[in-house]
Amino acid sequence: MAGLYGSGGVQRVSFDLEPAEVRWVLRGRGADVDMAIHHFPDIDASFDLPDRQGALVWSSTQPRSVLAHAVAKAAGDVLRTHGEEGYRAKWVRYPFPITALQDLYRLHLQHDSCARAHDLPR
């Protein structure tokens, strides 16, 4: 999400559904984000394929401020529920991305007009 601030433009998130892949493509358009979800039947064959070769299953354009707030709040809720140690116990290989979450909050508060409450992680 933080990559949508500045000139980065496009961010991708891939979910391995064994054997399928679901790929979220987020394109920054100024203060808006174009979102698309593509489905590929086999992640082993699709990981390097262009987005357009997957079946488009959903698309929408949303204000970046709304999307960033929702992502930051959801990640913050996970952190508050499990803590960093509890998260690591569940995910084993990966620590909670606290620095990335703090960066997202910083960018969101700096660049977006957001009147919602913010519970910043420490």
Protein backbone atom coordinates (compact mmCIF):
# COMPACT_ATOMS: atom_id res chain seq x y z
CA MET A 1 0.00 0.00 0.00
CA ALA A 2 2.81 2.41 0.84
CA GLY A 3 4.15 1.96 -2.69
CA LEU A 4 1.09 3.81 -4.01
CA TYR A 5 2.42 7.08 -2.60
CA GLY A 6 4.79 8.92 -4.90
CA SER A 7 5.58 7.83 -8.42
CA GLY A 8 5.69 4.04 -7.83
CA GLY A 9 2.39 3.56 -9.57
CA VAL A 10 1.65 -0.19 -9.60
CA GLN A 11 1.76 -2.68 -6.74
CA ARG A 12 0.94 -6.38 -6.96
CA VAL A 13 0.03 -8.91 -4.28
CA SER A 14 -0.16 -12.59 -5.13
CA PHE A 15 -2.03 -15.19 -3.09
CA ASP A 16 -1.19 -18.86 -3.55
CA LEU A 17 -4.46 -20.80 -3.40
CA GLU A 18 -2.77 -24.13 -4.22
CA PRO A 19 -2.90 -24.64 -7.13
CA ALA A 20 -4.49 -21.34 -8.23
CA GLU A 21 -3.13 -17.82 -7.95
CA VAL A 22 -5.18 -14.75 -7.14
CA ARG A 23 -3.33 -11.56 -8.01
CA TRP A 24 -4.36 -8.12 -6.78
CA VAL A 25 -3.12 -5.27 -8.96
CA LEU A 26 -3.25 -1.78 -7.45
CA ARG A 27 -2.55 1.20 -9.71
CA GLY A 28 -2.11 4.63 -8.20
CA ARG A 29 -3.98 7.36 -10.06
CA GLY A 30 -3.19 10.44 -8.02
CA ALA A 31 -5.52 10.41 -5.03
CA ASP A 32 -7.34 7.29 -6.33
CA VAL A 33 -6.41 3.63 -6.69
CA ASP A 34 -7.60 1.37 -9.50
CA MET A 35 -7.88 -2.15 -8.12
CA ALA A 36 -8.22 -5.37 -10.09
CA ILE A 37 -8.23 -9.00 -9.02
CA HIS A 38 -7.10 -11.61 -11.55
CA HIS A 39 -7.48 -15.38 -11.18
CA PHE A 40 -5.01 -17.84 -12.66
CA PRO A 41 -5.71 -21.59 -12.50
CA ASP A 42 -2.11 -22.66 -11.76
CA ILE A 43 0.40 -20.53 -9.85
CA ASP A 44 3.30 -22.67 -11.04
CA ALA A 45 2.50 -21.62 -14.61
CA SER A 46 1.20 -18.10 -13.96
CA PHE A 47 3.58 -16.38 -11.60
CA ASP A 48 5.45 -14.54 -14.37
CA LEU A 49 2.48 -14.13 -16.73
CA PRO A 50 1.13 -10.64 -17.47
CA ASP A 51 -1.91 -9.63 -15.41
CA ARG A 52 -4.18 -9.56 -18.46
CA GLN A 53 -3.69 -13.31 -18.98
CA GLY A 54 -5.59 -14.01 -15.78
CA ALA A 55 -9.38 -13.89 -15.59
CA LEU A 56 -10.50 -10.50 -14.27
CA VAL A 57 -12.86 -11.34 -11.40
CA TRP A 58 -13.31 -7.89 -9.83
CA SER A 59 -12.29 -4.29 -10.33
CA SER A 60 -12.99 -0.97 -8.67
CA THR A 61 -11.58 2.51 -8.18
CA GLN A 62 -11.40 3.83 -4.63
CA PRO A 63 -9.93 6.90 -2.95
CA ARG A 64 -6.39 6.12 -1.80
CA SER A 65 -7.17 7.67 1.59
CA VAL A 66 -10.02 5.22 2.22
CA LEU A 67 -8.06 2.19 1.04
CA ALA A 68 -4.89 3.11 2.95
CA HIS A 69 -6.87 3.75 6.12
CA ALA A 70 -8.66 0.38 5.82
CA VAL A 71 -5.41 -1.53 5.23
CA ALA A 72 -3.59 0.24 8.07
CA LYS A 73 -6.50 -0.30 10.46
CA ALA A 74 -6.79 -4.00 9.58
CA ALA A 75 -3.04 -4.55 10.02
CA GLY A 76 -3.13 -2.61 13.30
CA ASP A 77 -6.03 -4.79 14.50
CA VAL A 78 -3.98 -7.92 13.74
CA LEU A 79 -1.04 -6.47 15.69
CA ARG A 80 -3.24 -5.54 18.66
CA THR A 81 -4.94 -8.95 18.67
CA HIS A 82 -1.82 -11.12 18.38
CA GLY A 83 1.14 -8.90 19.22
CA GLU A 84 4.44 -9.28 17.42
CA GLU A 85 5.30 -12.54 19.21
CA GLY A 86 1.85 -14.05 18.63
CA TYR A 87 1.99 -13.10 14.96
CA ARG A 88 5.42 -14.74 14.60
CA ALA A 89 4.12 -17.88 16.34
CA LYS A 90 1.29 -18.14 13.78
CA TRP A 91 3.27 -17.21 10.64
CA VAL A 92 6.57 -18.78 11.83
CA ARG A 93 8.74 -17.66 8.89
CA TYR A 94 7.80 -13.98 8.87
CA PRO A 95 7.78 -11.33 11.62
CA PHE A 96 5.00 -8.77 11.75
CA PRO A 97 5.86 -5.94 9.32
CA ILE A 98 5.78 -3.22 11.97
CA THR A 99 8.09 -0.85 10.07
CA ALA A 100 6.00 -1.13 6.91
CA LEU A 101 2.84 -0.42 8.92
CA GLN A 102 4.42 2.62 10.56
CA ASP A 103 5.53 3.86 7.12
CA LEU A 104 2.00 3.41 5.77
CA TYR A 105 0.51 5.40 8.63
CA ARG A 106 3.13 8.15 8.15
CA LEU A 107 2.44 8.42 4.40
CA HIS A 108 -1.33 8.23 4.89
CA LEU A 109 -1.35 11.01 7.48
CA GLN A 110 1.09 13.13 5.48
CA HIS A 111 -0.60 12.87 2.06
CA ASP A 112 -4.28 12.04 2.60
CA SER A 113 -7.05 14.10 4.08
CA CYS A 114 -8.43 11.62 6.57
CA ALA A 115 -10.70 12.68 9.41
CA ARG A 116 -11.01 9.15 10.85
CA ALA A 117 -9.37 8.19 14.14
CA HIS A 118 -5.88 6.69 13.89
CA ASP A 119 -4.45 4.29 16.46
CA LEU A 120 -0.77 4.37 15.55
CA PRO A 121 1.34 1.29 16.34
CA ARG A 122 4.56 1.80 18.28
